[in-house]
Amino acid sequence: MSNWIGVCTLEKIIPGTGICALVENKQVAIFRPDLSEIVYAISNMDPFAHSNVLSRGIICEHDGQYWVASPLKKQRFNLVDGHCLEDKNVFVDVYKTRIVEENVEVCIS
């Protein structure tokens, strides 16, 4: 059974940016890449820098997919499946998201 946790209202995430939320004791980076009502959630931990900073990264588009570039070492992580563009052996956890009545919810399990 999925456990959806409310994080914030959609309007709190400015298009083109990300936020960090503590969801079930995990730091989760939540991104809203454009004006649509689609958000993505990945682990906030940069596996190269070993710091919780990905929510502060820059969202970019490559080959029609959204990525976030770490603000520290600049590696890019796919917002759909979490893999690293620069090193295929490295990835971050990805979490399901949904919008319910303008509220962003994340599922860790």
N, C-alpha and C. Protein backbone atom coordinates (compact mmCIF):
# COMPACT_ATOMS: atom_id res chain seq x y z
N MET A 1 0.84 -1.19 0.00
CA MET A 1 0.00 0.00 0.00
C MET A 1 0.88 1.25 0.00
N SER A 2 0.54 2.19 -0.83
CA SER A 2 1.31 3.43 -0.93
C SER A 2 0.91 4.40 0.17
N ASN A 3 1.91 5.09 0.69
CA ASN A 3 1.69 6.08 1.72
C ASN A 3 2.06 7.45 1.16
N TRP A 4 1.06 8.19 0.71
CA TRP A 4 1.28 9.51 0.12
C TRP A 4 1.37 10.55 1.22
N ILE A 5 2.42 11.37 1.15
CA ILE A 5 2.66 12.42 2.14
C ILE A 5 2.52 13.78 1.46
N GLY A 6 1.67 14.64 2.00
CA GLY A 6 1.53 16.00 1.49
C GLY A 6 2.76 16.83 1.83
N VAL A 7 3.25 17.59 0.85
CA VAL A 7 4.47 18.37 1.04
C VAL A 7 4.18 19.87 1.06
N CYS A 8 3.47 20.35 0.05
CA CYS A 8 3.16 21.78 -0.05
C CYS A 8 2.12 21.96 -1.16
N THR A 9 1.67 23.18 -1.34
CA THR A 9 0.80 23.46 -2.48
C THR A 9 1.67 23.65 -3.71
N LEU A 10 1.11 23.37 -4.87
CA LEU A 10 1.85 23.48 -6.12
C LEU A 10 2.39 24.89 -6.33
N GLU A 11 1.62 25.90 -5.94
CA GLU A 11 2.05 27.29 -6.14
C GLU A 11 3.30 27.65 -5.35
N LYS A 12 3.64 26.87 -4.34
CA LYS A 12 4.85 27.14 -3.54
C LYS A 12 6.13 26.77 -4.28
N ILE A 13 6.00 25.97 -5.37
CA ILE A 13 7.18 25.59 -6.15
C ILE A 13 7.18 26.44 -7.41
N ILE A 14 8.07 27.38 -7.49
CA ILE A 14 8.15 28.27 -8.64
C ILE A 14 8.61 27.46 -9.85
N PRO A 15 7.92 27.59 -10.98
CA PRO A 15 8.34 26.84 -12.18
C PRO A 15 9.83 27.09 -12.49
N GLY A 16 10.51 26.01 -12.82
CA GLY A 16 11.94 26.10 -13.12
C GLY A 16 12.83 25.94 -11.90
N THR A 17 12.24 25.59 -10.75
CA THR A 17 13.03 25.45 -9.52
C THR A 17 12.68 24.16 -8.79
N GLY A 18 13.41 23.95 -7.71
CA GLY A 18 13.15 22.81 -6.84
C GLY A 18 13.09 23.24 -5.39
N ILE A 19 12.55 22.37 -4.56
CA ILE A 19 12.52 22.58 -3.12
C ILE A 19 12.98 21.31 -2.44
N CYS A 20 13.28 21.40 -1.18
CA CYS A 20 13.63 20.23 -0.39
C CYS A 20 12.55 20.02 0.66
N ALA A 21 12.16 18.76 0.86
CA ALA A 21 11.18 18.43 1.88
C ALA A 21 11.65 17.20 2.65
N LEU A 22 11.34 17.16 3.92
CA LEU A 22 11.63 15.99 4.73
C LEU A 22 10.40 15.09 4.69
N VAL A 23 10.54 13.94 4.05
CA VAL A 23 9.43 13.00 3.88
C VAL A 23 9.84 11.68 4.49
N GLU A 24 9.15 11.29 5.55
CA GLU A 24 9.47 10.05 6.28
C GLU A 24 10.96 9.97 6.59
N ASN A 25 11.50 11.05 7.13
CA ASN A 25 12.90 11.16 7.55
C ASN A 25 13.91 11.09 6.41
N LYS A 26 13.47 11.32 5.18
CA LYS A 26 14.37 11.37 4.03
C LYS A 26 14.29 12.76 3.41
N GLN A 27 15.45 13.31 3.05
CA GLN A 27 15.44 14.57 2.32
C GLN A 27 15.12 14.29 0.86
N VAL A 28 14.05 14.91 0.39
CA VAL A 28 13.58 14.70 -0.97
C VAL A 28 13.63 16.02 -1.72
N ALA A 29 14.23 16.00 -2.91
CA ALA A 29 14.27 17.17 -3.79
C ALA A 29 13.08 17.07 -4.74
N ILE A 30 12.24 18.10 -4.75
CA ILE A 30 11.04 18.11 -5.58
C ILE A 30 11.17 19.24 -6.58
N PHE A 31 10.99 18.90 -7.85
CA PHE A 31 11.20 19.86 -8.94
C PHE A 31 9.95 20.08 -9.75
N ARG A 32 9.76 21.33 -10.15
CA ARG A 32 8.70 21.73 -11.08
C ARG A 32 9.40 22.40 -12.26
N PRO A 33 9.70 21.63 -13.30
CA PRO A 33 10.53 22.17 -14.37
C PRO A 33 9.87 23.23 -15.24
N ASP A 34 8.54 23.26 -15.30
CA ASP A 34 7.88 24.22 -16.18
C ASP A 34 6.55 24.65 -15.57
N LEU A 35 5.72 25.30 -16.36
CA LEU A 35 4.44 25.82 -15.86
C LEU A 35 3.37 24.74 -15.69
N SER A 36 3.64 23.53 -16.14
CA SER A 36 2.64 22.47 -16.03
C SER A 36 2.47 22.03 -14.57
N GLU A 37 1.52 21.16 -14.36
CA GLU A 37 1.29 20.63 -13.02
C GLU A 37 1.98 19.29 -12.85
N ILE A 38 3.17 19.17 -13.40
CA ILE A 38 3.96 17.95 -13.26
C ILE A 38 5.16 18.26 -12.38
N VAL A 39 5.36 17.43 -11.35
CA VAL A 39 6.51 17.58 -10.47
C VAL A 39 7.24 16.24 -10.40
N TYR A 40 8.52 16.32 -10.10
CA TYR A 40 9.37 15.14 -9.99
C TYR A 40 10.03 15.16 -8.62
N ALA A 41 10.30 13.97 -8.08
CA ALA A 41 10.96 13.88 -6.77
C ALA A 41 12.09 12.87 -6.83
N ILE A 42 13.25 13.30 -6.34
CA ILE A 42 14.42 12.43 -6.25
C ILE A 42 15.05 12.65 -4.88
N SER A 43 16.00 11.79 -4.53
CA SER A 43 16.77 12.00 -3.31
C SER A 43 17.50 13.33 -3.41
N ASN A 44 17.60 14.02 -2.30
CA ASN A 44 18.32 15.29 -2.28
C ASN A 44 19.84 15.10 -2.16
N MET A 45 20.27 13.87 -1.91
CA MET A 45 21.69 13.58 -1.69
C MET A 45 22.46 13.47 -3.01
N ASP A 46 23.45 14.32 -3.18
CA ASP A 46 24.36 14.25 -4.32
C ASP A 46 25.35 13.12 -4.02
N PRO A 47 25.33 12.02 -4.80
CA PRO A 47 26.21 10.89 -4.49
C PRO A 47 27.69 11.18 -4.74
N PHE A 48 28.02 12.21 -5.47
CA PHE A 48 29.42 12.56 -5.70
C PHE A 48 29.97 13.45 -4.58
N ALA A 49 29.19 14.42 -4.16
CA ALA A 49 29.63 15.36 -3.12
C ALA A 49 29.25 14.90 -1.72
N HIS A 50 28.37 13.88 -1.62
CA HIS A 50 27.88 13.38 -0.34
C HIS A 50 27.27 14.51 0.50
N SER A 51 26.49 15.35 -0.19
CA SER A 51 25.80 16.48 0.46
C SER A 51 24.37 16.54 -0.04
N ASN A 52 23.47 16.98 0.82
CA ASN A 52 22.07 17.14 0.46
C ASN A 52 21.86 18.49 -0.21
N VAL A 53 22.09 18.54 -1.53
CA VAL A 53 22.06 19.81 -2.25
C VAL A 53 21.32 19.77 -3.58
N LEU A 54 20.84 18.61 -4.02
CA LEU A 54 20.28 18.53 -5.36
C LEU A 54 19.06 19.44 -5.56
N SER A 55 18.31 19.72 -4.50
CA SER A 55 17.14 20.60 -4.64
C SER A 55 17.54 22.00 -5.08
N ARG A 56 18.82 22.36 -4.90
CA ARG A 56 19.32 23.67 -5.31
C ARG A 56 19.97 23.64 -6.69
N GLY A 57 19.88 22.50 -7.36
CA GLY A 57 20.50 22.36 -8.66
C GLY A 57 19.73 23.07 -9.76
N ILE A 58 20.34 23.11 -10.93
CA ILE A 58 19.74 23.77 -12.09
C ILE A 58 19.03 22.73 -12.93
N ILE A 59 17.76 22.97 -13.24
CA ILE A 59 17.00 22.07 -14.10
C ILE A 59 17.38 22.34 -15.55
N CYS A 60 17.64 21.27 -16.28
CA CYS A 60 17.98 21.41 -17.69
C CYS A 60 17.23 20.35 -18.49
N GLU A 61 17.19 20.54 -19.79
CA GLU A 61 16.55 19.57 -20.66
C GLU A 61 17.61 19.02 -21.61
N HIS A 62 17.62 17.69 -21.77
CA HIS A 62 18.57 17.03 -22.66
C HIS A 62 17.86 15.86 -23.31
N ASP A 63 17.89 15.79 -24.63
CA ASP A 63 17.22 14.72 -25.38
C ASP A 63 15.75 14.58 -24.99
N GLY A 64 15.08 15.71 -24.75
CA GLY A 64 13.65 15.70 -24.44
C GLY A 64 13.30 15.25 -23.03
N GLN A 65 14.29 15.13 -22.15
CA GLN A 65 14.03 14.74 -20.77
C GLN A 65 14.58 15.80 -19.82
N TYR A 66 13.97 15.86 -18.63
CA TYR A 66 14.43 16.82 -17.63
C TYR A 66 15.50 16.19 -16.74
N TRP A 67 16.48 17.01 -16.40
CA TRP A 67 17.60 16.62 -15.57
C TRP A 67 17.84 17.73 -14.55
N VAL A 68 18.53 17.41 -13.47
CA VAL A 68 18.99 18.45 -12.55
C VAL A 68 20.50 18.32 -12.46
N ALA A 69 21.18 19.45 -12.57
CA ALA A 69 22.64 19.50 -12.44
C ALA A 69 22.98 19.86 -11.01
N SER A 70 23.81 19.05 -10.38
CA SER A 70 24.21 19.31 -9.01
C SER A 70 24.87 20.68 -8.91
N PRO A 71 24.53 21.46 -7.88
CA PRO A 71 25.16 22.77 -7.74
C PRO A 71 26.63 22.68 -7.34
N LEU A 72 27.09 21.51 -6.90
CA LEU A 72 28.48 21.40 -6.45
C LEU A 72 29.42 20.88 -7.54
N LYS A 73 29.14 19.69 -8.05
CA LYS A 73 30.09 19.10 -9.00
C LYS A 73 29.53 19.01 -10.41
N LYS A 74 28.30 19.47 -10.59
CA LYS A 74 27.65 19.66 -11.90
C LYS A 74 27.22 18.38 -12.63
N GLN A 75 27.32 17.20 -12.00
CA GLN A 75 26.78 16.01 -12.65
C GLN A 75 25.27 16.15 -12.77
N ARG A 76 24.72 15.60 -13.86
CA ARG A 76 23.29 15.72 -14.12
C ARG A 76 22.57 14.39 -13.81
N PHE A 77 21.40 14.52 -13.16
CA PHE A 77 20.60 13.37 -12.79
C PHE A 77 19.23 13.46 -13.44
N ASN A 78 18.80 12.36 -14.05
CA ASN A 78 17.52 12.30 -14.73
C ASN A 78 16.40 12.35 -13.71
N LEU A 79 15.41 13.20 -13.93
CA LEU A 79 14.32 13.35 -12.97
C LEU A 79 13.29 12.22 -13.06
N VAL A 80 13.34 11.41 -14.11
CA VAL A 80 12.39 10.30 -14.24
C VAL A 80 12.94 9.02 -13.63
N ASP A 81 14.21 8.68 -13.94
CA ASP A 81 14.74 7.41 -13.45
C ASP A 81 15.96 7.54 -12.54
N GLY A 82 16.46 8.75 -12.33
CA GLY A 82 17.53 9.00 -11.37
C GLY A 82 18.94 8.71 -11.83
N HIS A 83 19.12 8.23 -13.08
CA HIS A 83 20.50 7.90 -13.47
C HIS A 83 21.32 9.15 -13.78
N CYS A 84 22.62 9.01 -13.65
CA CYS A 84 23.55 10.11 -13.87
C CYS A 84 23.99 10.09 -15.32
N LEU A 85 23.93 11.24 -15.98
CA LEU A 85 24.32 11.34 -17.38
C LEU A 85 25.83 11.11 -17.55
N GLU A 86 26.62 11.57 -16.61
CA GLU A 86 28.06 11.48 -16.73
C GLU A 86 28.64 10.12 -16.31
N ASP A 87 27.90 9.37 -15.49
CA ASP A 87 28.39 8.07 -15.01
C ASP A 87 27.19 7.13 -14.87
N LYS A 88 27.02 6.23 -15.83
CA LYS A 88 25.86 5.33 -15.87
C LYS A 88 25.78 4.38 -14.68
N ASN A 89 26.85 4.26 -13.90
CA ASN A 89 26.85 3.38 -12.72
C ASN A 89 26.33 4.08 -11.47
N VAL A 90 26.03 5.36 -11.57
CA VAL A 90 25.58 6.14 -10.42
C VAL A 90 24.15 6.60 -10.66
N PHE A 91 23.34 6.55 -9.61
CA PHE A 91 21.96 7.02 -9.70
C PHE A 91 21.50 7.51 -8.33
N VAL A 92 20.39 8.24 -8.34
CA VAL A 92 19.74 8.67 -7.09
C VAL A 92 18.36 8.04 -7.04
N ASP A 93 17.83 7.91 -5.83
CA ASP A 93 16.48 7.36 -5.68
C ASP A 93 15.45 8.30 -6.29
N VAL A 94 14.41 7.71 -6.86
CA VAL A 94 13.31 8.46 -7.47
C VAL A 94 12.03 8.09 -6.72
N TYR A 95 11.19 9.08 -6.50
CA TYR A 95 9.95 8.87 -5.77
C TYR A 95 8.75 9.28 -6.61
N LYS A 96 7.64 8.58 -6.40
CA LYS A 96 6.40 8.92 -7.12
C LYS A 96 5.84 10.23 -6.57
N THR A 97 5.22 11.00 -7.46
CA THR A 97 4.58 12.26 -7.06
C THR A 97 3.18 12.31 -7.67
N ARG A 98 2.36 13.14 -7.08
CA ARG A 98 1.05 13.44 -7.65
C ARG A 98 0.57 14.77 -7.10
N ILE A 99 -0.38 15.35 -7.83
CA ILE A 99 -1.01 16.59 -7.40
C ILE A 99 -2.47 16.26 -7.09
N VAL A 100 -2.89 16.56 -5.88
CA VAL A 100 -4.26 16.34 -5.45
C VAL A 100 -4.81 17.65 -4.93
N GLU A 101 -5.80 18.20 -5.65
CA GLU A 101 -6.41 19.48 -5.27
C GLU A 101 -5.35 20.55 -5.01
N GLU A 102 -4.41 20.69 -5.95
CA GLU A 102 -3.34 21.68 -5.91
C GLU A 102 -2.28 21.42 -4.84
N ASN A 103 -2.33 20.24 -4.20
CA ASN A 103 -1.34 19.88 -3.20
C ASN A 103 -0.37 18.85 -3.75
N VAL A 104 0.93 19.06 -3.56
CA VAL A 104 1.95 18.14 -4.01
C VAL A 104 2.09 17.03 -2.96
N GLU A 105 2.03 15.78 -3.43
CA GLU A 105 2.20 14.63 -2.55
C GLU A 105 3.31 13.75 -3.10
N VAL A 106 4.07 13.14 -2.17
CA VAL A 106 5.19 12.27 -2.51
C VAL A 106 4.97 10.93 -1.83
N CYS A 107 5.34 9.85 -2.55
CA CYS A 107 5.26 8.51 -1.98
C CYS A 107 6.66 7.93 -1.94
N ILE A 108 7.13 7.61 -0.74
CA ILE A 108 8.47 7.05 -0.55
C ILE A 108 8.49 5.55 -0.80
N SER A 109 7.44 4.85 -0.40
CA SER A 109 7.44 3.37 -0.52
C SER A 109 7.16 2.89 -1.92
